[in-house]
PDB file of N, CA and C in Angstrom:
ATOM      1  N   MET A   1      51.408 127.242  11.816  1.00  0.00           N
ATOM      2  CA  MET A   1      52.077 125.963  11.840  1.00  0.00           C
ATOM      3  C   MET A   1      53.582 126.205  11.979  1.00  0.00           C
ATOM      4  N   THR A   2      54.164 125.590  12.935  1.00  0.00           N
ATOM      5  CA  THR A   2      55.612 125.606  13.075  1.00  0.00           C
ATOM      6  C   THR A   2      56.044 124.229  13.538  1.00  0.00           C
ATOM      7  N   GLU A   3      56.915 123.641  12.760  1.00  0.00           N
ATOM      8  CA  GLU A   3      57.448 122.337  13.121  1.00  0.00           C
ATOM      9  C   GLU A   3      58.900 122.300  12.668  1.00  0.00           C
ATOM     10  N   THR A   4      59.733 121.609  13.405  1.00  0.00           N
ATOM     11  CA  THR A   4      61.134 121.468  13.037  1.00  0.00           C
ATOM     12  C   THR A   4      61.441 120.003  12.765  1.00  0.00           C
ATOM     13  N   LEU A   5      62.077 119.763  11.633  1.00  0.00           N
ATOM     14  CA  LEU A   5      62.492 118.422  11.243  1.00  0.00           C
ATOM     15  C   LEU A   5      64.012 118.400  11.169  1.00  0.00           C
ATOM     16  N   SER A   6      64.618 117.334  11.649  1.00  0.00           N
ATOM     17  CA  SER A   6      66.076 117.198  11.594  1.00  0.00           C
ATOM     18  C   SER A   6      66.448 115.957  10.797  1.00  0.00           C
ATOM     19  N   PHE A   7      67.391 116.162   9.902  1.00  0.00           N
ATOM     20  CA  PHE A   7      67.940 115.081   9.098  1.00  0.00           C
ATOM     21  C   PHE A   7      69.450 115.088   9.271  1.00  0.00           C
ATOM     22  N   ASP A   8      70.114 114.067   8.779  1.00  0.00           N
ATOM     23  CA  ASP A   8      71.566 114.029   8.923  1.00  0.00           C
ATOM     24  C   ASP A   8      72.264 115.107   8.097  1.00  0.00           C
ATOM     25  N   PHE A   9      71.571 115.689   7.104  1.00  0.00           N
ATOM     26  CA  PHE A   9      72.170 116.705   6.245  1.00  0.00           C
ATOM     27  C   PHE A   9      71.627 118.115   6.470  1.00  0.00           C
ATOM     28  N   CYS A  10      70.501 118.249   7.206  1.00  0.00           N
ATOM     29  CA  CYS A  10      69.929 119.579   7.407  1.00  0.00           C
ATOM     30  C   CYS A  10      68.891 119.599   8.531  1.00  0.00           C
ATOM     31  N   ASP A  11      68.521 120.824   8.921  1.00  0.00           N
ATOM     32  CA  ASP A  11      67.393 121.071   9.813  1.00  0.00           C
ATOM     33  C   ASP A  11      66.404 121.943   9.051  1.00  0.00           C
ATOM     34  N   ILE A  12      65.118 121.613   9.169  1.00  0.00           N
ATOM     35  CA  ILE A  12      64.074 122.326   8.430  1.00  0.00           C
ATOM     36  C   ILE A  12      63.025 122.824   9.406  1.00  0.00           C
ATOM     37  N   SER A  13      62.742 124.129   9.332  1.00  0.00           N
ATOM     38  CA  SER A  13      61.651 124.721  10.109  1.00  0.00           C
ATOM     39  C   SER A  13      60.521 125.017   9.139  1.00  0.00           C
ATOM     40  N   ILE A  14      59.332 124.513   9.455  1.00  0.00           N
ATOM     41  CA  ILE A  14      58.188 124.622   8.558  1.00  0.00           C
ATOM     42  C   ILE A  14      57.182 125.617   9.129  1.00  0.00           C
ATOM     43  N   PHE A  15      56.759 126.544   8.281  1.00  0.00           N
ATOM     44  CA  PHE A  15      55.773 127.565   8.641  1.00  0.00           C
ATOM     45  C   PHE A  15      54.609 127.476   7.661  1.00  0.00           C
ATOM     46  N   ASP A  16      53.649 128.371   7.772  1.00  0.00           N
ATOM     47  CA  ASP A  16      52.435 128.279   6.955  1.00  0.00           C
ATOM     48  C   ASP A  16      52.703 128.336   5.451  1.00  0.00           C
ATOM     49  N   ASN A  17      53.584 129.232   5.009  1.00  0.00           N
ATOM     50  CA  ASN A  17      53.791 129.397   3.573  1.00  0.00           C
ATOM     51  C   ASN A  17      55.269 129.440   3.167  1.00  0.00           C
ATOM     52  N   TYR A  18      56.125 128.964   4.043  1.00  0.00           N
ATOM     53  CA  TYR A  18      57.542 128.861   3.699  1.00  0.00           C
ATOM     54  C   TYR A  18      58.207 127.860   4.628  1.00  0.00           C
ATOM     55  N   LEU A  19      59.381 127.414   4.203  1.00  0.00           N
ATOM     56  CA  LEU A  19      60.208 126.600   5.083  1.00  0.00           C
ATOM     57  C   LEU A  19      61.609 127.194   5.067  1.00  0.00           C
ATOM     58  N   ILE A  20      62.291 127.054   6.189  1.00  0.00           N
ATOM     59  CA  ILE A  20      63.653 127.552   6.320  1.00  0.00           C
ATOM     60  C   ILE A  20      64.554 126.348   6.544  1.00  0.00           C
ATOM     61  N   VAL A  21      65.550 126.215   5.681  1.00  0.00           N
ATOM     62  CA  VAL A  21      66.453 125.075   5.727  1.00  0.00           C
ATOM     63  C   VAL A  21      67.860 125.555   6.085  1.00  0.00           C
ATOM     64  N   VAL A  22      68.471 124.873   7.032  1.00  0.00           N
ATOM     65  CA  VAL A  22      69.873 125.105   7.375  1.00  0.00           C
ATOM     66  C   VAL A  22      70.610 123.793   7.119  1.00  0.00           C
ATOM     67  N   MET A  23      71.439 123.807   6.089  1.00  0.00           N
ATOM     68  CA  MET A  23      72.221 122.621   5.751  1.00  0.00           C
ATOM     69  C   MET A  23      73.367 122.465   6.743  1.00  0.00           C
ATOM     70  N   LYS A  24      73.772 121.230   6.962  1.00  0.00           N
ATOM     71  CA  LYS A  24      74.886 120.938   7.862  1.00  0.00           C
ATOM     72  C   LYS A  24      76.215 121.242   7.160  1.00  0.00           C
ATOM     73  N   GLU A  25      77.208 121.527   7.948  1.00  0.00           N
ATOM     74  CA  GLU A  25      78.550 121.832   7.449  1.00  0.00           C
ATOM     75  C   GLU A  25      79.105 120.688   6.607  1.00  0.00           C
ATOM     76  N   GLY A  26      79.636 121.040   5.420  1.00  0.00           N
ATOM     77  CA  GLY A  26      80.342 120.074   4.593  1.00  0.00           C
ATOM     78  C   GLY A  26      79.496 119.145   3.742  1.00  0.00           C
ATOM     79  N   VAL A  27      78.178 119.282   3.777  1.00  0.00           N
ATOM     80  CA  VAL A  27      77.288 118.401   3.018  1.00  0.00           C
ATOM     81  C   VAL A  27      77.386 118.734   1.523  1.00  0.00           C
ATOM     82  N   ASN A  28      77.207 117.736   0.687  1.00  0.00           N
ATOM     83  CA  ASN A  28      77.098 117.930  -0.755  1.00  0.00           C
ATOM     84  C   ASN A  28      75.661 117.615  -1.152  1.00  0.00           C
ATOM     85  N   ILE A  29      74.914 118.631  -1.556  1.00  0.00           N
ATOM     86  CA  ILE A  29      73.498 118.472  -1.889  1.00  0.00           C
ATOM     87  C   ILE A  29      73.378 118.041  -3.348  1.00  0.00           C
ATOM     88  N   THR A  30      72.772 116.873  -3.553  1.00  0.00           N
ATOM     89  CA  THR A  30      72.593 116.315  -4.886  1.00  0.00           C
ATOM     90  C   THR A  30      71.092 116.168  -5.174  1.00  0.00           C
ATOM     91  N   PRO A  31      70.739 115.882  -6.426  1.00  0.00           N
ATOM     92  CA  PRO A  31      69.318 115.707  -6.753  1.00  0.00           C
ATOM     93  C   PRO A  31      68.608 114.640  -5.926  1.00  0.00           C
ATOM     94  N   ASP A  32      69.354 113.711  -5.350  1.00  0.00           N
ATOM     95  CA  ASP A  32      68.738 112.670  -4.511  1.00  0.00           C
ATOM     96  C   ASP A  32      67.971 113.257  -3.329  1.00  0.00           C
ATOM     97  N   TYR A  33      68.366 114.420  -2.870  1.00  0.00           N
ATOM     98  CA  TYR A  33      67.704 115.041  -1.735  1.00  0.00           C
ATOM     99  C   TYR A  33      66.304 115.549  -2.085  1.00  0.00           C
ATOM    100  N   ASN A  34      66.003 115.640  -3.369  1.00  0.00           N
ATOM    101  CA  ASN A  34      64.680 116.131  -3.764  1.00  0.00           C
ATOM    102  C   ASN A  34      63.554 115.232  -3.317  1.00  0.00           C
ATOM    103  N   ALA A  35      63.785 113.947  -3.208  1.00  0.00           N
ATOM    104  CA  ALA A  35      62.734 113.030  -2.747  1.00  0.00           C
ATOM    105  C   ALA A  35      62.285 113.421  -1.345  1.00  0.00           C
ATOM    106  N   ILE A  36      63.220 113.781  -0.511  1.00  0.00           N
ATOM    107  CA  ILE A  36      62.885 114.212   0.857  1.00  0.00           C
ATOM    108  C   ILE A  36      62.095 115.516   0.811  1.00  0.00           C
ATOM    109  N   LEU A  37      62.573 116.476   0.000  1.00  0.00           N
ATOM    110  CA  LEU A  37      61.860 117.752  -0.131  1.00  0.00           C
ATOM    111  C   LEU A  37      60.450 117.531  -0.666  1.00  0.00           C
ATOM    112  N   GLU A  38      60.303 116.690  -1.653  1.00  0.00           N
ATOM    113  CA  GLU A  38      58.982 116.425  -2.215  1.00  0.00           C
ATOM    114  C   GLU A  38      58.049 115.817  -1.175  1.00  0.00           C
ATOM    115  N   ASN A  39      58.548 114.895  -0.370  1.00  0.00           N
ATOM    116  CA  ASN A  39      57.716 114.308   0.688  1.00  0.00           C
ATOM    117  C   ASN A  39      57.282 115.369   1.699  1.00  0.00           C
ATOM    118  N   ILE A  40      58.176 116.248   2.058  1.00  0.00           N
ATOM    119  CA  ILE A  40      57.844 117.330   3.000  1.00  0.00           C
ATOM    120  C   ILE A  40      56.787 118.245   2.401  1.00  0.00           C
ATOM    121  N   THR A  41      56.957 118.606   1.122  1.00  0.00           N
ATOM    122  CA  THR A  41      55.984 119.521   0.510  1.00  0.00           C
ATOM    123  C   THR A  41      54.613 118.876   0.379  1.00  0.00           C
ATOM    124  N   LYS A  42      54.580 117.586   0.092  1.00  0.00           N
ATOM    125  CA  LYS A  42      53.284 116.908   0.000  1.00  0.00           C
ATOM    126  C   LYS A  42      52.594 116.858   1.358  1.00  0.00           C
ATOM    127  N   LYS A  43      53.370 116.664   2.411  1.00  0.00           N
ATOM    128  CA  LYS A  43      52.785 116.562   3.742  1.00  0.00           C
ATOM    129  C   LYS A  43      52.336 117.923   4.290  1.00  0.00           C
ATOM    130  N   TYR A  44      53.178 118.947   4.142  1.00  0.00           N
ATOM    131  CA  TYR A  44      52.916 120.221   4.809  1.00  0.00           C
ATOM    132  C   TYR A  44      52.328 121.306   3.906  1.00  0.00           C
ATOM    133  N   PHE A  45      52.502 121.182   2.583  1.00  0.00           N
ATOM    134  CA  PHE A  45      52.040 122.235   1.678  1.00  0.00           C
ATOM    135  C   PHE A  45      51.185 121.668   0.549  1.00  0.00           C
ATOM    136  N   SER A  46      50.398 120.644   0.827  1.00  0.00           N
ATOM    137  CA  SER A  46      49.666 119.957  -0.238  1.00  0.00           C
ATOM    138  C   SER A  46      48.734 120.882  -1.016  1.00  0.00           C
ATOM    139  N   ASN A  47      48.104 121.829  -0.355  1.00  0.00           N
ATOM    140  CA  ASN A  47      47.173 122.744  -1.034  1.00  0.00           C
ATOM    141  C   ASN A  47      47.590 124.192  -0.869  1.00  0.00           C
ATOM    142  N   THR A  48      48.868 124.440  -0.639  1.00  0.00           N
ATOM    143  CA  THR A  48      49.337 125.785  -0.315  1.00  0.00           C
ATOM    144  C   THR A  48      50.602 126.121  -1.087  1.00  0.00           C
ATOM    145  N   SER A  49      50.649 127.344  -1.597  1.00  0.00           N
ATOM    146  CA  SER A  49      51.880 127.833  -2.204  1.00  0.00           C
ATOM    147  C   SER A  49      52.900 128.090  -1.109  1.00  0.00           C
ATOM    148  N   PHE A  50      54.176 127.865  -1.429  1.00  0.00           N
ATOM    149  CA  PHE A  50      55.206 128.085  -0.427  1.00  0.00           C
ATOM    150  C   PHE A  50      56.508 128.522  -1.079  1.00  0.00           C
ATOM    151  N   VAL A  51      57.415 129.029  -0.239  1.00  0.00           N
ATOM    152  CA  VAL A  51      58.746 129.454  -0.664  1.00  0.00           C
ATOM    153  C   VAL A  51      59.771 128.667   0.142  1.00  0.00           C
ATOM    154  N   TYR A  52      60.832 128.264  -0.527  1.00  0.00           N
ATOM    155  CA  TYR A  52      61.959 127.574   0.096  1.00  0.00           C
ATOM    156  C   TYR A  52      62.992 128.639   0.443  1.00  0.00           C
ATOM    157  N   ILE A  53      63.317 128.762   1.729  1.00  0.00           N
ATOM    158  CA  ILE A  53      64.343 129.698   2.192  1.00  0.00           C
ATOM    159  C   ILE A  53      65.513 128.882   2.717  1.00  0.00           C
ATOM    160  N   THR A  54      66.687 129.095   2.147  1.00  0.00           N
ATOM    161  CA  THR A  54      67.875 128.435   2.655  1.00  0.00           C
ATOM    162  C   THR A  54      68.723 129.467   3.392  1.00  0.00           C
ATOM    163  N   ASN A  55      68.940 129.211   4.657  1.00  0.00           N
ATOM    164  CA  ASN A  55      69.750 130.093   5.493  1.00  0.00           C
ATOM    165  C   ASN A  55      71.160 129.508   5.520  1.00  0.00           C
ATOM    166  N   ARG A  56      72.034 130.080   4.718  1.00  0.00           N
ATOM    167  CA  ARG A  56      73.365 129.503   4.504  1.00  0.00           C
ATOM    168  C   ARG A  56      74.355 129.975   5.570  1.00  0.00           C
ATOM    169  N   VAL A  57      74.226 129.392   6.735  1.00  0.00           N
ATOM    170  CA  VAL A  57      75.133 129.718   7.835  1.00  0.00           C
ATOM    171  C   VAL A  57      76.337 128.787   7.858  1.00  0.00           C
ATOM    172  N   ASN A  58      76.250 127.658   7.156  1.00  0.00           N
ATOM    173  CA  ASN A  58      77.345 126.693   7.085  1.00  0.00           C
ATOM    174  C   ASN A  58      77.874 126.621   5.657  1.00  0.00           C
ATOM    175  N   SER A  59      79.034 126.048   5.506  1.00  0.00           N
ATOM    176  CA  SER A  59      79.639 125.868   4.194  1.00  0.00           C
ATOM    177  C   SER A  59      79.273 124.475   3.677  1.00  0.00           C
ATOM    178  N   TYR A  60      78.698 124.429   2.473  1.00  0.00           N
ATOM    179  CA  TYR A  60      78.329 123.167   1.843  1.00  0.00           C
ATOM    180  C   TYR A  60      78.269 123.383   0.348  1.00  0.00           C
ATOM    181  N   SER A  61      78.183 122.313  -0.406  1.00  0.00           N
ATOM    182  CA  SER A  61      78.126 122.447  -1.864  1.00  0.00           C
ATOM    183  C   SER A  61      76.774 121.980  -2.387  1.00  0.00           C
ATOM    184  N   VAL A  62      76.395 122.551  -3.529  1.00  0.00           N
ATOM    185  CA  VAL A  62      75.121 122.229  -4.161  1.00  0.00           C
ATOM    186  C   VAL A  62      75.377 121.862  -5.614  1.00  0.00           C
ATOM    187  N   ASP A  63      74.888 120.708  -6.019  1.00  0.00           N
ATOM    188  CA  ASP A  63      74.921 120.334  -7.424  1.00  0.00           C
ATOM    189  C   ASP A  63      73.807 121.134  -8.102  1.00  0.00           C
ATOM    190  N   PRO A  64      74.131 122.049  -9.016  1.00  0.00           N
ATOM    191  CA  PRO A  64      73.087 122.905  -9.612  1.00  0.00           C
ATOM    192  C   PRO A  64      71.960 122.140 -10.301  1.00  0.00           C
ATOM    193  N   LYS A  65      72.215 120.894 -10.695  1.00  0.00           N
ATOM    194  CA  LYS A  65      71.160 120.092 -11.342  1.00  0.00           C
ATOM    195  C   LYS A  65      69.966 119.879 -10.416  1.00  0.00           C
ATOM    196  N   ILE A  66      70.182 120.071  -9.120  1.00  0.00           N
ATOM    197  CA  ILE A  66      69.089 119.892  -8.168  1.00  0.00           C
ATOM    198  C   ILE A  66      67.927 120.845  -8.477  1.00  0.00           C
ATOM    199  N   TYR A  67      68.256 122.010  -9.027  1.00  0.00           N
ATOM    200  CA  TYR A  67      67.223 123.019  -9.264  1.00  0.00           C
ATOM    201  C   TYR A  67      66.266 122.634 -10.384  1.00  0.00           C
ATOM    202  N   TYR A  68      66.711 121.829 -11.345  1.00  0.00           N
ATOM    203  CA  TYR A  68      65.795 121.360 -12.386  1.00  0.00           C
ATOM    204  C   TYR A  68      64.660 120.558 -11.765  1.00  0.00           C
ATOM    205  N   GLU A  69      64.993 119.696 -10.814  1.00  0.00           N
ATOM    206  CA  GLU A  69      63.979 118.880 -10.159  1.00  0.00           C
ATOM    207  C   GLU A  69      63.161 119.699  -9.161  1.00  0.00           C
ATOM    208  N   THR A  70      63.830 120.541  -8.416  1.00  0.00           N
ATOM    209  CA  THR A  70      63.135 121.363  -7.420  1.00  0.00           C
ATOM    210  C   THR A  70      62.095 122.252  -8.099  1.00  0.00           C
ATOM    211  N   ALA A  71      62.420 122.804  -9.244  1.00  0.00           N
ATOM    212  CA  ALA A  71      61.501 123.703  -9.959  1.00  0.00           C
ATOM    213  C   ALA A  71      60.231 122.989 -10.408  1.00  0.00           C
ATOM    214  N   LYS A  72      60.257 121.664 -10.464  1.00  0.00           N
ATOM    215  CA  LYS A  72      59.074 120.899 -10.881  1.00  0.00           C
ATOM    216  C   LYS A  72      58.022 120.811  -9.780  1.00  0.00           C
ATOM    217  N   ILE A  73      58.356 121.202  -8.572  1.00  0.00           N
ATOM    218  CA  ILE A  73      57.366 121.200  -7.487  1.00  0.00           C
ATOM    219  C   ILE A  73      56.396 122.347  -7.777  1.00  0.00           C
ATOM    220  N   GLU A  74      55.193 121.998  -8.156  1.00  0.00           N
ATOM    221  CA  GLU A  74      54.248 122.953  -8.711  1.00  0.00           C
ATOM    222  C   GLU A  74      53.913 124.115  -7.782  1.00  0.00           C
ATOM    223  N   ASN A  75      53.711 123.836  -6.503  1.00  0.00           N
ATOM    224  CA  ASN A  75      53.292 124.896  -5.597  1.00  0.00           C
ATOM    225  C   ASN A  75      54.469 125.642  -4.959  1.00  0.00           C
ATOM    226  N   LEU A  76      55.686 125.324  -5.370  1.00  0.00           N
ATOM    227  CA  LEU A  76      56.858 126.084  -4.946  1.00  0.00           C
ATOM    228  C   LEU A  76      56.900 127.370  -5.762  1.00  0.00           C
ATOM    229  N   LYS A  77      56.736 128.502  -5.103  1.00  0.00           N
ATOM    230  CA  LYS A  77      56.623 129.776  -5.805  1.00  0.00           C
ATOM    231  C   LYS A  77      57.916 130.578  -5.852  1.00  0.00           C
ATOM    232  N   GLY A  78      58.904 130.196  -5.045  1.00  0.00           N
ATOM    233  CA  GLY A  78      60.160 130.933  -5.076  1.00  0.00           C
ATOM    234  C   GLY A  78      61.203 130.275  -4.199  1.00  0.00           C
ATOM    235  N   PHE A  79      62.438 130.728  -4.394  1.00  0.00           N
ATOM    236  CA  PHE A  79      63.595 130.188  -3.680  1.00  0.00           C
ATOM    237  C   PHE A  79      64.412 131.368  -3.186  1.00  0.00           C
ATOM    238  N   ALA A  80      64.664 131.411  -1.884  1.00  0.00           N
ATOM    239  CA  ALA A  80      65.423 132.509  -1.287  1.00  0.00           C
ATOM    240  C   ALA A  80      66.700 131.981  -0.656  1.00  0.00           C
ATOM    241  N   VAL A  81      67.799 132.675  -0.895  1.00  0.00           N
ATOM    242  CA  VAL A  81      69.079 132.343  -0.296  1.00  0.00           C
ATOM    243  C   VAL A  81      69.449 133.474   0.657  1.00  0.00           C
ATOM    244  N   VAL A  82      69.685 133.123   1.915  1.00  0.00           N
ATOM    245  CA  VAL A  82      70.079 134.110   2.919  1.00  0.00           C
ATOM    246  C   VAL A  82      71.550 133.881   3.242  1.00  0.00           C
ATOM    247  N   THR A  83      72.366 134.893   2.960  1.00  0.00           N
ATOM    248  CA  THR A  83      73.788 134.800   3.271  1.00  0.00           C
ATOM    249  C   THR A  83      74.417 136.190   3.240  1.00  0.00           C
ATOM    250  N   SER A  84      75.451 136.345   4.026  1.00  0.00           N
ATOM    251  CA  SER A  84      76.252 137.567   3.952  1.00  0.00           C
ATOM    252  C   SER A  84      77.653 137.233   3.438  1.00  0.00           C
ATOM    253  N   ASN A  85      77.886 135.960   3.128  1.00  0.00           N
ATOM    254  CA  ASN A  85      79.179 135.491   2.657  1.00  0.00           C
ATOM    255  C   ASN A  85      79.322 135.761   1.157  1.00  0.00           C
ATOM    256  N   TYR A  86      80.396 136.434   0.789  1.00  0.00           N
ATOM    257  CA  TYR A  86      80.608 136.804  -0.612  1.00  0.00           C
ATOM    258  C   TYR A  86      80.622 135.580  -1.538  1.00  0.00           C
ATOM    259  N   GLN A  87      81.374 134.540  -1.183  1.00  0.00           N
ATOM    260  CA  GLN A  87      81.466 133.349  -2.034  1.00  0.00           C
ATOM    261  C   GLN A  87      80.111 132.655  -2.155  1.00  0.00           C
ATOM    262  N   ALA A  88      79.358 132.607  -1.086  1.00  0.00           N
ATOM    263  CA  ALA A  88      78.028 131.993  -1.131  1.00  0.00           C
ATOM    264  C   ALA A  88      77.100 132.777  -2.065  1.00  0.00           C
ATOM    265  N   LYS A  89      77.262 134.099  -2.083  1.00  0.00           N
ATOM    266  CA  LYS A  89      76.448 134.918  -3.000  1.00  0.00           C
ATOM    267  C   LYS A  89      76.817 134.626  -4.455  1.00  0.00           C
ATOM    268  N   ILE A  90      78.106 134.510  -4.734  1.00  0.00           N
ATOM    269  CA  ILE A  90      78.554 134.178  -6.092  1.00  0.00           C
ATOM    270  C   ILE A  90      78.001 132.814  -6.505  1.00  0.00           C
ATOM    271  N   ASN A  91      78.105 131.839  -5.612  1.00  0.00           N
ATOM    272  CA  ASN A  91      77.574 130.504  -5.899  1.00  0.00           C
ATOM    273  C   ASN A  91      76.077 130.547  -6.162  1.00  0.00           C
ATOM    274  N   ALA A  92      75.353 131.324  -5.366  1.00  0.00           N
ATOM    275  CA  ALA A  92      73.896 131.422  -5.533  1.00  0.00           C
ATOM    276  C   ALA A  92      73.539 132.060  -6.875  1.00  0.00           C
ATOM    277  N   GLU A  93      74.325 133.016  -7.323  1.00  0.00           N
ATOM    278  CA  GLU A  93      74.064 133.635  -8.634  1.00  0.00           C
ATOM    279  C   GLU A  93      74.201 132.595  -9.749  1.00  0.00           C
ATOM    280  N   ILE A  94      75.146 131.689  -9.605  1.00  0.00           N
ATOM    281  CA  ILE A  94      75.305 130.604 -10.591  1.00  0.00           C
ATOM    282  C   ILE A  94      74.128 129.637 -10.488  1.00  0.00           C
ATOM    283  N   GLU A  95      73.755 129.272  -9.270  1.00  0.00           N
ATOM    284  CA  GLU A  95      72.631 128.353  -9.055  1.00  0.00           C
ATOM    285  C   GLU A  95      71.345 128.911  -9.658  1.00  0.00           C
ATOM    286  N   LYS A  96      71.179 130.215  -9.557  1.00  0.00           N
ATOM    287  CA  LYS A  96      69.979 130.900 -10.049  1.00  0.00           C
ATOM    288  C   LYS A  96      69.737 130.611 -11.542  1.00  0.00           C
ATOM    289  N   MET A  97      70.804 130.411 -12.292  1.00  0.00           N
ATOM    290  CA  MET A  97      70.678 130.159 -13.726  1.00  0.00           C
ATOM    291  C   MET A  97      70.003 128.820 -14.025  1.00  0.00           C
ATOM    292  N   PHE A  98      69.955 127.933 -13.052  1.00  0.00           N
ATOM    293  CA  PHE A  98      69.383 126.601 -13.244  1.00  0.00           C
ATOM    294  C   PHE A  98      67.940 126.504 -12.738  1.00  0.00           C
ATOM    295  N   PHE A  99      67.385 127.604 -12.265  1.00  0.00           N
ATOM    296  CA  PHE A  99      66.067 127.597 -11.626  1.00  0.00           C
ATOM    297  C   PHE A  99      65.148 128.545 -12.378  1.00  0.00           C
ATOM    298  N   ASN A 100      63.996 128.061 -12.819  1.00  0.00           N
ATOM    299  CA  ASN A 100      63.124 128.872 -13.666  1.00  0.00           C
ATOM    300  C   ASN A 100      61.946 129.497 -12.924  1.00  0.00           C
ATOM    301  N   LYS A 101      62.113 129.709 -11.636  1.00  0.00           N
ATOM    302  CA  LYS A 101      61.108 130.396 -10.823  1.00  0.00           C
ATOM    303  C   LYS A 101      61.810 131.536 -10.090  1.00  0.00           C
ATOM    304  N   PRO A 102      61.055 132.401  -9.425  1.00  0.00           N
ATOM    305  CA  PRO A 102      61.719 133.491  -8.682  1.00  0.00           C
ATOM    306  C   PRO A 102      62.775 132.962  -7.712  1.00  0.00           C
ATOM    307  N   PHE A 103      63.954 133.596  -7.761  1.00  0.00           N
ATOM    308  CA  PHE A 103      65.115 133.185  -6.974  1.00  0.00           C
ATOM    309  C   PHE A 103      65.811 134.466  -6.541  1.00  0.00           C
ATOM    310  N   LYS A 104      65.850 134.714  -5.230  1.00  0.00           N
ATOM    311  CA  LYS A 104      66.424 135.975  -4.742  1.00  0.00           C
ATOM    312  C   LYS A 104      67.409 135.725  -3.617  1.00  0.00           C
ATOM    313  N   LEU A 105      68.363 136.640  -3.497  1.00  0.00           N
ATOM    314  CA  LEU A 105      69.339 136.621  -2.412  1.00  0.00           C
ATOM    315  C   LEU A 105      68.973 137.687  -1.390  1.00  0.00           C
ATOM    316  N   PHE A 106      69.191 137.361  -0.114  1.00  0.00           N
ATOM    317  CA  PHE A 106      68.880 138.274   0.982  1.00  0.00           C
ATOM    318  C   PHE A 106      69.997 138.267   2.007  1.00  0.00           C
ATOM    319  N   ASP A 107      70.116 139.369   2.728  1.00  0.00           N
ATOM    320  CA  ASP A 107      71.093 139.473   3.815  1.00  0.00           C
ATOM    321  C   ASP A 107      70.510 139.064   5.158  1.00  0.00           C
ATOM    322  N   SER A 108      69.167 138.922   5.221  1.00  0.00           N
ATOM    323  CA  SER A 108      68.549 138.538   6.494  1.00  0.00           C
ATOM    324  C   SER A 108      67.371 137.596   6.255  1.00  0.00           C
ATOM    325  N   VAL A 109      67.147 136.732   7.227  1.00  0.00           N
ATOM    326  CA  VAL A 109      66.006 135.817   7.171  1.00  0.00           C
ATOM    327  C   VAL A 109      64.710 136.619   7.167  1.00  0.00           C
ATOM    328  N   GLU A 110      64.657 137.704   7.932  1.00  0.00           N
ATOM    329  CA  GLU A 110      63.441 138.522   8.003  1.00  0.00           C
ATOM    330  C   GLU A 110      63.047 139.046   6.623  1.00  0.00           C
ATOM    331  N   ASN A 111      64.017 139.521   5.843  1.00  0.00           N
ATOM    332  CA  ASN A 111      63.712 140.018   4.496  1.00  0.00           C
ATOM    333  C   ASN A 111      63.250 138.891   3.577  1.00  0.00           C
ATOM    334  N   ALA A 112      63.844 137.728   3.729  1.00  0.00           N
ATOM    335  CA  ALA A 112      63.424 136.573   2.924  1.00  0.00           C
ATOM    336  C   ALA A 112      61.994 136.164   3.270  1.00  0.00           C
ATOM    337  N   ILE A 113      61.653 136.187   4.547  1.00  0.00           N
ATOM    338  CA  ILE A 113      60.287 135.863   4.982  1.00  0.00           C
ATOM    339  C   ILE A 113      59.296 136.870   4.422  1.00  0.00           C
ATOM    340  N   HIS A 114      59.660 138.141   4.470  1.00  0.00           N
ATOM    341  CA  HIS A 114      58.782 139.193   3.918  1.00  0.00           C
ATOM    342  C   HIS A 114      58.512 138.920   2.431  1.00  0.00           C
ATOM    343  N   TRP A 115      59.553 138.612   1.685  1.00  0.00           N
ATOM    344  CA  TRP A 115      59.408 138.304   0.264  1.00  0.00           C
ATOM    345  C   TRP A 115      58.546 137.058   0.067  1.00  0.00           C
ATOM    346  N   ALA A 116      58.774 136.031   0.875  1.00  0.00           N
ATOM    347  CA  ALA A 116      57.979 134.804   0.786  1.00  0.00           C
ATOM    348  C   ALA A 116      56.502 135.099   1.000  1.00  0.00           C
ATOM    349  N   ASN A 117      56.201 135.931   1.992  1.00  0.00           N
ATOM    350  CA  ASN A 117      54.803 136.296   2.249  1.00  0.00           C
ATOM    351  C   ASN A 117      54.212 137.062   1.075  1.00  0.00           C
ATOM    352  N   GLU A 118      54.987 137.947   0.473  1.00  0.00           N
ATOM    353  CA  GLU A 118      54.502 138.711  -0.675  1.00  0.00           C
ATOM    354  C   GLU A 118      54.160 137.808  -1.863  1.00  0.00           C
ATOM    355  N   ILE A 119      55.075 136.921  -2.216  1.00  0.00           N
ATOM    356  CA  ILE A 119      54.819 136.134  -3.434  1.00  0.00           C
ATOM    357  C   ILE A 119      53.820 135.005  -3.219  1.00  0.00           C
ATOM    358  N   THR A 120      53.683 134.530  -2.006  1.00  0.00           N
ATOM    359  CA  THR A 120      52.656 133.504  -1.784  1.00  0.00           C
ATOM    360  C   THR A 120      51.282 134.133  -1.637  1.00  0.00           C
ATOM    361  N   ASP A 121      51.201 135.345  -1.086  1.00  0.00           N
ATOM    362  CA  ASP A 121      49.915 136.052  -1.007  1.00  0.00           C
ATOM    363  C   ASP A 121      49.349 136.316  -2.378  1.00  0.00           C
ATOM    364  N   SER A 122      50.215 136.673  -3.339  1.00  0.00           N
ATOM    365  CA  SER A 122      49.739 136.994  -4.673  1.00  0.00           C
ATOM    366  C   SER A 122      49.398 135.759  -5.487  1.00  0.00           C
ATOM    367  N   SER A 123      49.864 134.569  -5.058  1.00  0.00           N
ATOM    368  CA  SER A 123      49.597 133.363  -5.840  1.00  0.00           C
ATOM    369  C   SER A 123      48.490 132.491  -5.258  1.00  0.00           C
ATOM    370  N   ASN A 124      48.085 132.757  -4.024  1.00  0.00           N
ATOM    371  CA  ASN A 124      47.012 131.942  -3.413  1.00  0.00           C
ATOM    372  C   ASN A 124      45.655 132.500  -3.740  1.00  0.00           C
TER     373      ASN A 124
END
């Protein structure tokens, strides 16, 4: 399964056991965006474990409270941040403190996908 969804704040590519999100430049991600994520997960991952991969190629801000709600998505098995930007890595380390599921940083999308496949294989 591969499908691409576009919103005013991001583009999402959906695969069998993970999704890759690229946020738009300058967006401020708040807990309100979780309703959209929840609808996507219900539609595409209703009976499947999945990993959320964020490919941070643009600069944007994240309200860390979003992770409390995101972590409630039962079949979400992990969260991956892909970035080579030093400040984005520091921000992700702070965000990680608000998320009670596996949360890892990667330098490449390929490594994040490999990790997503590993943790979803072990949970399905």
